[in-house]
Each structure stands twice: as structure tokens, then as C-alpha cells.
Amino acid sequence: MFAIVEIAGKQYKVTPGETLYVDRLTQAVGDTVRYDTVMLLQNEKKTLVGTPTVKGSVVTAKIVSHEKGKKLDVRRFKSKVRHRRKVGFRPYLTKLEILSVGKA
């Protein structure tokens, strides 16, 4: 069974027991969060596609940790003027563990 759910403005494909990284959430570590904006829900027998969401379906997740992601290098270059600029960036992320996927 899997679902496509919207978390913090982005869509993720999730299955029960999976861990994933999303943009930093405001809840504390150890909290349980529920998402009812499920776009698609599929089990062994059938697929439910929402218009825009599947009514009565919910994804439950537990916040495992708040972390910083890998460093990304942002480079800027202007030709003919010897201008080069490098900036590093590390995104703030939240690690989620998906507890359940299905109907509420």
C-alpha cells in the first residue's frame, strides 16, 4: 500500500514504515502528525484518485529528528568581467517515519 501525500507544500510517495526527509516542520521531535491531503491511495486491490484529495484518508507520521542537509554549492559567474561568487547552503530538514497509510 502506498499514498501520495502533500507535506509542507510538496508531494511525496509514502509507504508504511518508510522514513523520509522533508523541509523543516514546526512540531517538536517525537510528535505525531496527521496529513489528510492525500492525493492518491493505492492498496493491493484498487486505486483511489482524489479530486483533488481522497476523502476520509489520512497518513500518520512521527517526527524522528531535525537535521541539516548536505551542503549545496551555489556558484555565480559573469563572463568578461572576472566575477565569480560561491555561496554554500545547507537546508534545514525534518526526518519523518511513516506510521500508517489508509482510511481514517
PDB file of N, CA and C in Angstrom:
ATOM      1  N   MET A   1       0.847  -1.180   0.000  1.00  0.00           N
ATOM      2  CA  MET A   1       0.000   0.000   0.000  1.00  0.00           C
ATOM      3  C   MET A   1       0.886   1.234   0.000  1.00  0.00           C
ATOM      4  N   PHE A   2       0.507   2.213  -0.795  1.00  0.00           N
ATOM      5  CA  PHE A   2       1.228   3.476  -0.791  1.00  0.00           C
ATOM      6  C   PHE A   2       0.251   4.609  -1.030  1.00  0.00           C
ATOM      7  N   ALA A   3       0.726   5.817  -0.775  1.00  0.00           N
ATOM      8  CA  ALA A   3      -0.095   7.010  -0.972  1.00  0.00           C
ATOM      9  C   ALA A   3       0.798   8.140  -1.466  1.00  0.00           C
ATOM     10  N   ILE A   4       0.173   9.086  -2.143  1.00  0.00           N
ATOM     11  CA  ILE A   4       0.847  10.328  -2.500  1.00  0.00           C
ATOM     12  C   ILE A   4       0.209  11.414  -1.650  1.00  0.00           C
ATOM     13  N   VAL A   5       1.011  12.046  -0.802  1.00  0.00           N
ATOM     14  CA  VAL A   5       0.503  12.989   0.189  1.00  0.00           C
ATOM     15  C   VAL A   5       1.258  14.304   0.069  1.00  0.00           C
ATOM     16  N   GLU A   6       0.568  15.394   0.404  1.00  0.00           N
ATOM     17  CA  GLU A   6       1.196  16.713   0.398  1.00  0.00           C
ATOM     18  C   GLU A   6       1.666  17.044   1.807  1.00  0.00           C
ATOM     19  N   ILE A   7       2.978  17.279   1.929  1.00  0.00           N
ATOM     20  CA  ILE A   7       3.585  17.637   3.210  1.00  0.00           C
ATOM     21  C   ILE A   7       4.380  18.914   2.986  1.00  0.00           C
ATOM     22  N   ALA A   8       4.026  19.977   3.687  1.00  0.00           N
ATOM     23  CA  ALA A   8       4.719  21.269   3.612  1.00  0.00           C
ATOM     24  C   ALA A   8       4.794  21.788   2.182  1.00  0.00           C
ATOM     25  N   GLY A   9       3.706  21.631   1.425  1.00  0.00           N
ATOM     26  CA  GLY A   9       3.631  22.184   0.089  1.00  0.00           C
ATOM     27  C   GLY A   9       4.250  21.349  -1.013  1.00  0.00           C
ATOM     28  N   LYS A  10       4.803  20.180  -0.686  1.00  0.00           N
ATOM     29  CA  LYS A  10       5.402  19.298  -1.686  1.00  0.00           C
ATOM     30  C   LYS A  10       4.732  17.928  -1.609  1.00  0.00           C
ATOM     31  N   GLN A  11       4.739  17.203  -2.716  1.00  0.00           N
ATOM     32  CA  GLN A  11       4.096  15.898  -2.774  1.00  0.00           C
ATOM     33  C   GLN A  11       5.135  14.792  -2.650  1.00  0.00           C
ATOM     34  N   TYR A  12       4.810  13.779  -1.825  1.00  0.00           N
ATOM     35  CA  TYR A  12       5.711  12.665  -1.580  1.00  0.00           C
ATOM     36  C   TYR A  12       4.950  11.354  -1.726  1.00  0.00           C
ATOM     37  N   LYS A  13       5.633  10.338  -2.253  1.00  0.00           N
ATOM     38  CA  LYS A  13       5.085   8.984  -2.303  1.00  0.00           C
ATOM     39  C   LYS A  13       5.563   8.272  -1.043  1.00  0.00           C
ATOM     40  N   VAL A  14       4.616   7.799  -0.210  1.00  0.00           N
ATOM     41  CA  VAL A  14       4.965   7.217   1.078  1.00  0.00           C
ATOM     42  C   VAL A  14       4.352   5.830   1.220  1.00  0.00           C
ATOM     43  N   THR A  15       5.038   4.982   1.977  1.00  0.00           N
ATOM     44  CA  THR A  15       4.548   3.662   2.355  1.00  0.00           C
ATOM     45  C   THR A  15       4.739   3.508   3.859  1.00  0.00           C
ATOM     46  N   PRO A  16       3.948   2.660   4.524  1.00  0.00           N
ATOM     47  CA  PRO A  16       4.111   2.478   5.972  1.00  0.00           C
ATOM     48  C   PRO A  16       5.498   1.922   6.306  1.00  0.00           C
ATOM     49  N   GLY A  17       6.112   2.459   7.363  1.00  0.00           N
ATOM     50  CA  GLY A  17       7.427   2.025   7.794  1.00  0.00           C
ATOM     51  C   GLY A  17       8.581   2.763   7.137  1.00  0.00           C
ATOM     52  N   GLU A  18       8.305   3.581   6.156  1.00  0.00           N
ATOM     53  CA  GLU A  18       9.340   4.311   5.428  1.00  0.00           C
ATOM     54  C   GLU A  18       9.763   5.558   6.207  1.00  0.00           C
ATOM     55  N   THR A  19      11.025   5.967   6.043  1.00  0.00           N
ATOM     56  CA  THR A  19      11.488   7.240   6.589  1.00  0.00           C
ATOM     57  C   THR A  19      11.834   8.151   5.419  1.00  0.00           C
ATOM     58  N   LEU A  20      11.520   9.435   5.568  1.00  0.00           N
ATOM     59  CA  LEU A  20      11.827  10.389   4.516  1.00  0.00           C
ATOM     60  C   LEU A  20      12.161  11.738   5.121  1.00  0.00           C
ATOM     61  N   TYR A  21      12.876  12.539   4.337  1.00  0.00           N
ATOM     62  CA  TYR A  21      13.263  13.883   4.748  1.00  0.00           C
ATOM     63  C   TYR A  21      12.376  14.894   4.043  1.00  0.00           C
ATOM     64  N   VAL A  22      11.837  15.847   4.818  1.00  0.00           N
ATOM     65  CA  VAL A  22      11.019  16.928   4.280  1.00  0.00           C
ATOM     66  C   VAL A  22      11.591  18.243   4.787  1.00  0.00           C
ATOM     67  N   ASP A  23      11.117  19.358   4.240  1.00  0.00           N
ATOM     68  CA  ASP A  23      11.532  20.660   4.743  1.00  0.00           C
ATOM     69  C   ASP A  23      11.146  20.781   6.212  1.00  0.00           C
ATOM     70  N   ARG A  24      11.891  21.588   6.963  1.00  0.00           N
ATOM     71  CA  ARG A  24      11.733  21.690   8.414  1.00  0.00           C
ATOM     72  C   ARG A  24      10.293  21.984   8.805  1.00  0.00           C
ATOM     73  N   LEU A  25       9.773  21.180   9.745  1.00  0.00           N
ATOM     74  CA  LEU A  25       8.434  21.362  10.293  1.00  0.00           C
ATOM     75  C   LEU A  25       8.539  22.032  11.654  1.00  0.00           C
ATOM     76  N   THR A  26       7.454  22.650  12.101  1.00  0.00           N
ATOM     77  CA  THR A  26       7.483  23.410  13.350  1.00  0.00           C
ATOM     78  C   THR A  26       7.231  22.544  14.579  1.00  0.00           C
ATOM     79  N   GLN A  27       6.724  21.336  14.418  1.00  0.00           N
ATOM     80  CA  GLN A  27       6.436  20.478  15.562  1.00  0.00           C
ATOM     81  C   GLN A  27       7.734  19.963  16.189  1.00  0.00           C
ATOM     82  N   ALA A  28       7.632  19.503  17.439  1.00  0.00           N
ATOM     83  CA  ALA A  28       8.800  19.036  18.182  1.00  0.00           C
ATOM     84  C   ALA A  28       9.118  17.581  17.831  1.00  0.00           C
ATOM     85  N   VAL A  29      10.343  17.175  18.152  1.00  0.00           N
ATOM     86  CA  VAL A  29      10.768  15.795  17.927  1.00  0.00           C
ATOM     87  C   VAL A  29       9.940  14.870  18.815  1.00  0.00           C
ATOM     88  N   GLY A  30       9.457  13.778  18.252  1.00  0.00           N
ATOM     89  CA  GLY A  30       8.631  12.825  18.985  1.00  0.00           C
ATOM     90  C   GLY A  30       7.145  13.023  18.786  1.00  0.00           C
ATOM     91  N   ASP A  31       6.735  14.163  18.236  1.00  0.00           N
ATOM     92  CA  ASP A  31       5.314  14.412  17.986  1.00  0.00           C
ATOM     93  C   ASP A  31       4.815  13.544  16.839  1.00  0.00           C
ATOM     94  N   THR A  32       3.518  13.245  16.881  1.00  0.00           N
ATOM     95  CA  THR A  32       2.859  12.523  15.801  1.00  0.00           C
ATOM     96  C   THR A  32       2.023  13.514  15.010  1.00  0.00           C
ATOM     97  N   VAL A  33       2.171  13.498  13.697  1.00  0.00           N
ATOM     98  CA  VAL A  33       1.430  14.418  12.835  1.00  0.00           C
ATOM     99  C   VAL A  33       0.558  13.613  11.884  1.00  0.00           C
ATOM    100  N   ARG A  34      -0.600  14.192  11.538  1.00  0.00           N
ATOM    101  CA  ARG A  34      -1.540  13.553  10.618  1.00  0.00           C
ATOM    102  C   ARG A  34      -1.723  14.457   9.410  1.00  0.00           C
ATOM    103  N   TYR A  35      -1.696  13.866   8.233  1.00  0.00           N
ATOM    104  CA  TYR A  35      -1.891  14.596   6.989  1.00  0.00           C
ATOM    105  C   TYR A  35      -3.110  14.025   6.286  1.00  0.00           C
ATOM    106  N   ASP A  36      -4.087  14.897   6.005  1.00  0.00           N
ATOM    107  CA  ASP A  36      -5.297  14.443   5.325  1.00  0.00           C
ATOM    108  C   ASP A  36      -5.354  14.912   3.876  1.00  0.00           C
ATOM    109  N   THR A  37      -4.295  15.515   3.377  1.00  0.00           N
ATOM    110  CA  THR A  37      -4.246  15.939   1.976  1.00  0.00           C
ATOM    111  C   THR A  37      -3.610  14.823   1.146  1.00  0.00           C
ATOM    112  N   VAL A  38      -4.318  13.703   1.048  1.00  0.00           N
ATOM    113  CA  VAL A  38      -3.850  12.533   0.308  1.00  0.00           C
ATOM    114  C   VAL A  38      -4.374  12.636  -1.120  1.00  0.00           C
ATOM    115  N   MET A  39      -3.483  12.702  -2.092  1.00  0.00           N
ATOM    116  CA  MET A  39      -3.874  12.848  -3.499  1.00  0.00           C
ATOM    117  C   MET A  39      -4.238  11.514  -4.139  1.00  0.00           C
ATOM    118  N   LEU A  40      -3.539  10.435  -3.727  1.00  0.00           N
ATOM    119  CA  LEU A  40      -3.760   9.119  -4.303  1.00  0.00           C
ATOM    120  C   LEU A  40      -3.528   8.081  -3.227  1.00  0.00           C
ATOM    121  N   LEU A  41      -4.354   7.050  -3.220  1.00  0.00           N
ATOM    122  CA  LEU A  41      -4.239   5.970  -2.245  1.00  0.00           C
ATOM    123  C   LEU A  41      -4.385   4.660  -2.991  1.00  0.00           C
ATOM    124  N   GLN A  42      -3.391   3.779  -2.864  1.00  0.00           N
ATOM    125  CA  GLN A  42      -3.439   2.507  -3.576  1.00  0.00           C
ATOM    126  C   GLN A  42      -3.138   1.370  -2.617  1.00  0.00           C
ATOM    127  N   ASN A  43      -3.992   0.332  -2.663  1.00  0.00           N
ATOM    128  CA  ASN A  43      -3.719  -0.891  -1.927  1.00  0.00           C
ATOM    129  C   ASN A  43      -3.616  -2.030  -2.929  1.00  0.00           C
ATOM    130  N   GLU A  44      -3.664  -3.276  -2.445  1.00  0.00           N
ATOM    131  CA  GLU A  44      -3.482  -4.419  -3.332  1.00  0.00           C
ATOM    132  C   GLU A  44      -4.627  -4.558  -4.333  1.00  0.00           C
ATOM    133  N   LYS A  45      -5.821  -4.107  -3.981  1.00  0.00           N
ATOM    134  CA  LYS A  45      -6.995  -4.354  -4.811  1.00  0.00           C
ATOM    135  C   LYS A  45      -7.353  -3.198  -5.733  1.00  0.00           C
ATOM    136  N   LYS A  46      -7.283  -1.962  -5.244  1.00  0.00           N
ATOM    137  CA  LYS A  46      -7.720  -0.857  -6.090  1.00  0.00           C
ATOM    138  C   LYS A  46      -6.958   0.426  -5.789  1.00  0.00           C
ATOM    139  N   THR A  47      -7.146   1.384  -6.687  1.00  0.00           N
ATOM    140  CA  THR A  47      -6.505   2.686  -6.582  1.00  0.00           C
ATOM    141  C   THR A  47      -7.575   3.752  -6.464  1.00  0.00           C
ATOM    142  N   LEU A  48      -7.425   4.636  -5.483  1.00  0.00           N
ATOM    143  CA  LEU A  48      -8.336   5.762  -5.307  1.00  0.00           C
ATOM    144  C   LEU A  48      -7.594   7.040  -5.670  1.00  0.00           C
ATOM    145  N   VAL A  49      -8.133   7.764  -6.638  1.00  0.00           N
ATOM    146  CA  VAL A  49      -7.539   9.030  -7.062  1.00  0.00           C
ATOM    147  C   VAL A  49      -8.440  10.148  -6.572  1.00  0.00           C
ATOM    148  N   GLY A  50      -7.872  11.120  -5.883  1.00  0.00           N
ATOM    149  CA  GLY A  50      -8.652  12.209  -5.316  1.00  0.00           C
ATOM    150  C   GLY A  50      -8.971  13.296  -6.317  1.00  0.00           C
ATOM    151  N   THR A  51     -10.021  14.049  -5.991  1.00  0.00           N
ATOM    152  CA  THR A  51     -10.423  15.194  -6.817  1.00  0.00           C
ATOM    153  C   THR A  51     -10.636  16.412  -5.937  1.00  0.00           C
ATOM    154  N   PRO A  52      -9.684  17.089  -5.407  1.00  0.00           N
ATOM    155  CA  PRO A  52      -8.247  16.888  -5.503  1.00  0.00           C
ATOM    156  C   PRO A  52      -7.693  15.937  -4.449  1.00  0.00           C
ATOM    157  N   THR A  53      -8.441  15.651  -3.359  1.00  0.00           N
ATOM    158  CA  THR A  53      -7.944  14.735  -2.335  1.00  0.00           C
ATOM    159  C   THR A  53      -8.909  13.576  -2.170  1.00  0.00           C
ATOM    160  N   VAL A  54      -8.406  12.490  -1.587  1.00  0.00           N
ATOM    161  CA  VAL A  54      -9.228  11.322  -1.290  1.00  0.00           C
ATOM    162  C   VAL A  54      -9.903  11.575   0.052  1.00  0.00           C
ATOM    163  N   LYS A  55     -11.219  11.610   0.057  1.00  0.00           N
ATOM    164  CA  LYS A  55     -11.971  11.919   1.276  1.00  0.00           C
ATOM    165  C   LYS A  55     -11.824  10.788   2.299  1.00  0.00           C
ATOM    166  N   GLY A  56     -11.581  11.159   3.546  1.00  0.00           N
ATOM    167  CA  GLY A  56     -11.516  10.194   4.634  1.00  0.00           C
ATOM    168  C   GLY A  56     -10.213   9.435   4.749  1.00  0.00           C
ATOM    169  N   SER A  57      -9.221   9.757   3.952  1.00  0.00           N
ATOM    170  CA  SER A  57      -7.940   9.067   4.052  1.00  0.00           C
ATOM    171  C   SER A  57      -6.945   9.941   4.809  1.00  0.00           C
ATOM    172  N   VAL A  58      -6.030   9.281   5.494  1.00  0.00           N
ATOM    173  CA  VAL A  58      -5.090  10.007   6.342  1.00  0.00           C
ATOM    174  C   VAL A  58      -3.752   9.268   6.357  1.00  0.00           C
ATOM    175  N   VAL A  59      -2.669  10.032   6.470  1.00  0.00           N
ATOM    176  CA  VAL A  59      -1.328   9.489   6.639  1.00  0.00           C
ATOM    177  C   VAL A  59      -0.818   9.978   7.987  1.00  0.00           C
ATOM    178  N   THR A  60      -0.358   9.050   8.819  1.00  0.00           N
ATOM    179  CA  THR A  60       0.149   9.379  10.147  1.00  0.00           C
ATOM    180  C   THR A  60       1.661   9.185  10.156  1.00  0.00           C
ATOM    181  N   ALA A  61       2.372  10.182  10.687  1.00  0.00           N
ATOM    182  CA  ALA A  61       3.837  10.128  10.712  1.00  0.00           C
ATOM    183  C   ALA A  61       4.341  10.599  12.069  1.00  0.00           C
ATOM    184  N   LYS A  62       5.545  10.153  12.415  1.00  0.00           N
ATOM    185  CA  LYS A  62       6.196  10.551  13.664  1.00  0.00           C
ATOM    186  C   LYS A  62       7.469  11.310  13.307  1.00  0.00           C
ATOM    187  N   ILE A  63       7.706  12.422  13.999  1.00  0.00           N
ATOM    188  CA  ILE A  63       8.914  13.217  13.765  1.00  0.00           C
ATOM    189  C   ILE A  63      10.070  12.567  14.518  1.00  0.00           C
ATOM    190  N   VAL A  64      11.072  12.113  13.760  1.00  0.00           N
ATOM    191  CA  VAL A  64      12.210  11.414  14.347  1.00  0.00           C
ATOM    192  C   VAL A  64      13.289  12.404  14.774  1.00  0.00           C
ATOM    193  N   SER A  65      13.631  13.363  13.890  1.00  0.00           N
ATOM    194  CA  SER A  65      14.694  14.313  14.222  1.00  0.00           C
ATOM    195  C   SER A  65      14.625  15.525  13.306  1.00  0.00           C
ATOM    196  N   HIS A  66      15.300  16.584  13.748  1.00  0.00           N
ATOM    197  CA  HIS A  66      15.510  17.780  12.928  1.00  0.00           C
ATOM    198  C   HIS A  66      17.000  17.813  12.597  1.00  0.00           C
ATOM    199  N   GLU A  67      17.320  17.948  11.312  1.00  0.00           N
ATOM    200  CA  GLU A  67      18.714  17.878  10.879  1.00  0.00           C
ATOM    201  C   GLU A  67      19.008  18.954   9.842  1.00  0.00           C
ATOM    202  N   LYS A  68      20.291  19.056   9.507  1.00  0.00           N
ATOM    203  CA  LYS A  68      20.703  19.893   8.387  1.00  0.00           C
ATOM    204  C   LYS A  68      21.135  18.966   7.261  1.00  0.00           C
ATOM    205  N   GLY A  69      20.777  19.329   6.038  1.00  0.00           N
ATOM    206  CA  GLY A  69      21.091  18.503   4.880  1.00  0.00           C
ATOM    207  C   GLY A  69      22.529  18.665   4.429  1.00  0.00           C
ATOM    208  N   LYS A  70      22.856  17.994   3.333  1.00  0.00           N
ATOM    209  CA  LYS A  70      24.188  18.105   2.759  1.00  0.00           C
ATOM    210  C   LYS A  70      24.390  19.505   2.188  1.00  0.00           C
ATOM    211  N   LYS A  71      25.642  19.938   2.188  1.00  0.00           N
ATOM    212  CA  LYS A  71      25.948  21.281   1.718  1.00  0.00           C
ATOM    213  C   LYS A  71      25.822  21.357   0.200  1.00  0.00           C
ATOM    214  N   LEU A  72      25.139  22.388  -0.257  1.00  0.00           N
ATOM    215  CA  LEU A  72      24.991  22.656  -1.678  1.00  0.00           C
ATOM    216  C   LEU A  72      25.820  23.882  -2.018  1.00  0.00           C
ATOM    217  N   ASP A  73      26.551  23.820  -3.110  1.00  0.00           N
ATOM    218  CA  ASP A  73      27.332  24.963  -3.572  1.00  0.00           C
ATOM    219  C   ASP A  73      26.552  25.700  -4.642  1.00  0.00           C
ATOM    220  N   VAL A  74      26.365  26.993  -4.429  1.00  0.00           N
ATOM    221  CA  VAL A  74      25.705  27.843  -5.408  1.00  0.00           C
ATOM    222  C   VAL A  74      26.783  28.745  -5.986  1.00  0.00           C
ATOM    223  N   ARG A  75      26.978  28.653  -7.278  1.00  0.00           N
ATOM    224  CA  ARG A  75      28.027  29.436  -7.934  1.00  0.00           C
ATOM    225  C   ARG A  75      27.407  30.406  -8.923  1.00  0.00           C
ATOM    226  N   ARG A  76      28.050  31.562  -9.040  1.00  0.00           N
ATOM    227  CA  ARG A  76      27.591  32.581  -9.973  1.00  0.00           C
ATOM    228  C   ARG A  76      28.801  33.064 -10.763  1.00  0.00           C
ATOM    229  N   PHE A  77      28.620  33.222 -12.040  1.00  0.00           N
ATOM    230  CA  PHE A  77      29.723  33.604 -12.911  1.00  0.00           C
ATOM    231  C   PHE A  77      29.236  34.623 -13.925  1.00  0.00           C
ATOM    232  N   LYS A  78      29.997  35.699 -14.066  1.00  0.00           N
ATOM    233  CA  LYS A  78      29.720  36.686 -15.111  1.00  0.00           C
ATOM    234  C   LYS A  78      30.915  36.694 -16.052  1.00  0.00           C
ATOM    235  N   SER A  79      30.644  36.506 -17.309  1.00  0.00           N
ATOM    236  CA  SER A  79      31.736  36.448 -18.277  1.00  0.00           C
ATOM    237  C   SER A  79      32.295  37.848 -18.547  1.00  0.00           C
ATOM    238  N   LYS A  80      33.529  37.876 -18.952  1.00  0.00           N
ATOM    239  CA  LYS A  80      34.244  39.076 -19.410  1.00  0.00           C
ATOM    240  C   LYS A  80      34.593  40.070 -18.303  1.00  0.00           C
ATOM    241  N   VAL A  81      34.174  39.850 -17.062  1.00  0.00           N
ATOM    242  CA  VAL A  81      34.473  40.828 -16.013  1.00  0.00           C
ATOM    243  C   VAL A  81      35.175  40.199 -14.809  1.00  0.00           C
ATOM    244  N   ARG A  82      35.576  38.935 -14.929  1.00  0.00           N
ATOM    245  CA  ARG A  82      36.269  38.217 -13.860  1.00  0.00           C
ATOM    246  C   ARG A  82      35.478  38.197 -12.556  1.00  0.00           C
ATOM    247  N   HIS A  83      34.201  38.034 -12.665  1.00  0.00           N
ATOM    248  CA  HIS A  83      33.358  37.994 -11.468  1.00  0.00           C
ATOM    249  C   HIS A  83      32.947  36.550 -11.198  1.00  0.00           C
ATOM    250  N   ARG A  84      33.345  36.040 -10.032  1.00  0.00           N
ATOM    251  CA  ARG A  84      32.953  34.703  -9.608  1.00  0.00           C
ATOM    252  C   ARG A  84      32.512  34.784  -8.155  1.00  0.00           C
ATOM    253  N   ARG A  85      31.449  34.050  -7.835  1.00  0.00           N
ATOM    254  CA  ARG A  85      30.940  34.079  -6.470  1.00  0.00           C
ATOM    255  C   ARG A  85      30.500  32.682  -6.088  1.00  0.00           C
ATOM    256  N   LYS A  86      30.841  32.249  -4.880  1.00  0.00           N
ATOM    257  CA  LYS A  86      30.451  30.934  -4.390  1.00  0.00           C
ATOM    258  C   LYS A  86      29.814  31.089  -3.020  1.00  0.00           C
ATOM    259  N   VAL A  87      28.643  30.498  -2.854  1.00  0.00           N
ATOM    260  CA  VAL A  87      27.934  30.542  -1.584  1.00  0.00           C
ATOM    261  C   VAL A  87      27.543  29.117  -1.227  1.00  0.00           C
ATOM    262  N   GLY A  88      27.752  28.714   0.021  1.00  0.00           N
ATOM    263  CA  GLY A  88      27.325  27.404   0.490  1.00  0.00           C
ATOM    264  C   GLY A  88      25.970  27.504   1.166  1.00  0.00           C
ATOM    265  N   PHE A  89      25.225  26.407   1.089  1.00  0.00           N
ATOM    266  CA  PHE A  89      23.873  26.393   1.648  1.00  0.00           C
ATOM    267  C   PHE A  89      23.575  25.005   2.180  1.00  0.00           C
ATOM    268  N   ARG A  90      23.082  24.916   3.422  1.00  0.00           N
ATOM    269  CA  ARG A  90      22.650  23.643   3.994  1.00  0.00           C
ATOM    270  C   ARG A  90      21.189  23.778   4.407  1.00  0.00           C
ATOM    271  N   PRO A  91      20.282  23.027   3.782  1.00  0.00           N
ATOM    272  CA  PRO A  91      18.857  23.145   4.106  1.00  0.00           C
ATOM    273  C   PRO A  91      18.537  22.521   5.462  1.00  0.00           C
ATOM    274  N   TYR A  92      17.572  23.100   6.160  1.00  0.00           N
ATOM    275  CA  TYR A  92      17.071  22.535   7.402  1.00  0.00           C
ATOM    276  C   TYR A  92      16.000  21.509   7.056  1.00  0.00           C
ATOM    277  N   LEU A  93      16.149  20.281   7.561  1.00  0.00           N
ATOM    278  CA  LEU A  93      15.258  19.187   7.207  1.00  0.00           C
ATOM    279  C   LEU A  93      14.664  18.540   8.447  1.00  0.00           C
ATOM    280  N   THR A  94      13.550  17.852   8.262  1.00  0.00           N
ATOM    281  CA  THR A  94      12.917  17.061   9.308  1.00  0.00           C
ATOM    282  C   THR A  94      12.815  15.630   8.809  1.00  0.00           C
ATOM    283  N   LYS A  95      13.236  14.684   9.646  1.00  0.00           N
ATOM    284  CA  LYS A  95      13.151  13.266   9.294  1.00  0.00           C
ATOM    285  C   LYS A  95      11.848  12.708   9.846  1.00  0.00           C
ATOM    286  N   LEU A  96      11.018  12.144   8.950  1.00  0.00           N
ATOM    287  CA  LEU A  96       9.720  11.590   9.326  1.00  0.00           C
ATOM    288  C   LEU A  96       9.731  10.082   9.170  1.00  0.00           C
ATOM    289  N   GLU A  97       9.045   9.390  10.078  1.00  0.00           N
ATOM    290  CA  GLU A  97       8.794   7.959   9.941  1.00  0.00           C
ATOM    291  C   GLU A  97       7.299   7.784   9.719  1.00  0.00           C
ATOM    292  N   ILE A  98       6.912   7.166   8.613  1.00  0.00           N
ATOM    293  CA  ILE A  98       5.505   6.971   8.277  1.00  0.00           C
ATOM    294  C   ILE A  98       4.978   5.795   9.089  1.00  0.00           C
ATOM    295  N   LEU A  99       3.974   6.058   9.923  1.00  0.00           N
ATOM    296  CA  LEU A  99       3.410   5.021  10.778  1.00  0.00           C
ATOM    297  C   LEU A  99       2.283   4.271  10.091  1.00  0.00           C
ATOM    298  N   SER A 100       1.351   4.993   9.461  1.00  0.00           N
ATOM    299  CA  SER A 100       0.219   4.321   8.827  1.00  0.00           C
ATOM    300  C   SER A 100      -0.263   5.118   7.625  1.00  0.00           C
ATOM    301  N   VAL A 101      -0.836   4.386   6.677  1.00  0.00           N
ATOM    302  CA  VAL A 101      -1.417   4.964   5.473  1.00  0.00           C
ATOM    303  C   VAL A 101      -2.757   4.285   5.268  1.00  0.00           C
ATOM    304  N   GLY A 102      -3.818   5.074   5.106  1.00  0.00           N
ATOM    305  CA  GLY A 102      -5.115   4.454   4.849  1.00  0.00           C
ATOM    306  C   GLY A 102      -6.271   5.344   5.223  1.00  0.00           C
ATOM    307  N   LYS A 103      -7.425   4.708   5.363  1.00  0.00           N
ATOM    308  CA  LYS A 103      -8.643   5.425   5.721  1.00  0.00           C
ATOM    309  C   LYS A 103      -8.622   5.766   7.202  1.00  0.00           C
ATOM    310  N   ALA A 104      -9.242   6.887   7.542  1.00  0.00           N
ATOM    311  CA  ALA A 104      -9.265   7.344   8.939  1.00  0.00           C
ATOM    312  C   ALA A 104     -10.247   6.532   9.759  1.00  0.00           C
TER     313      ALA A 104
END
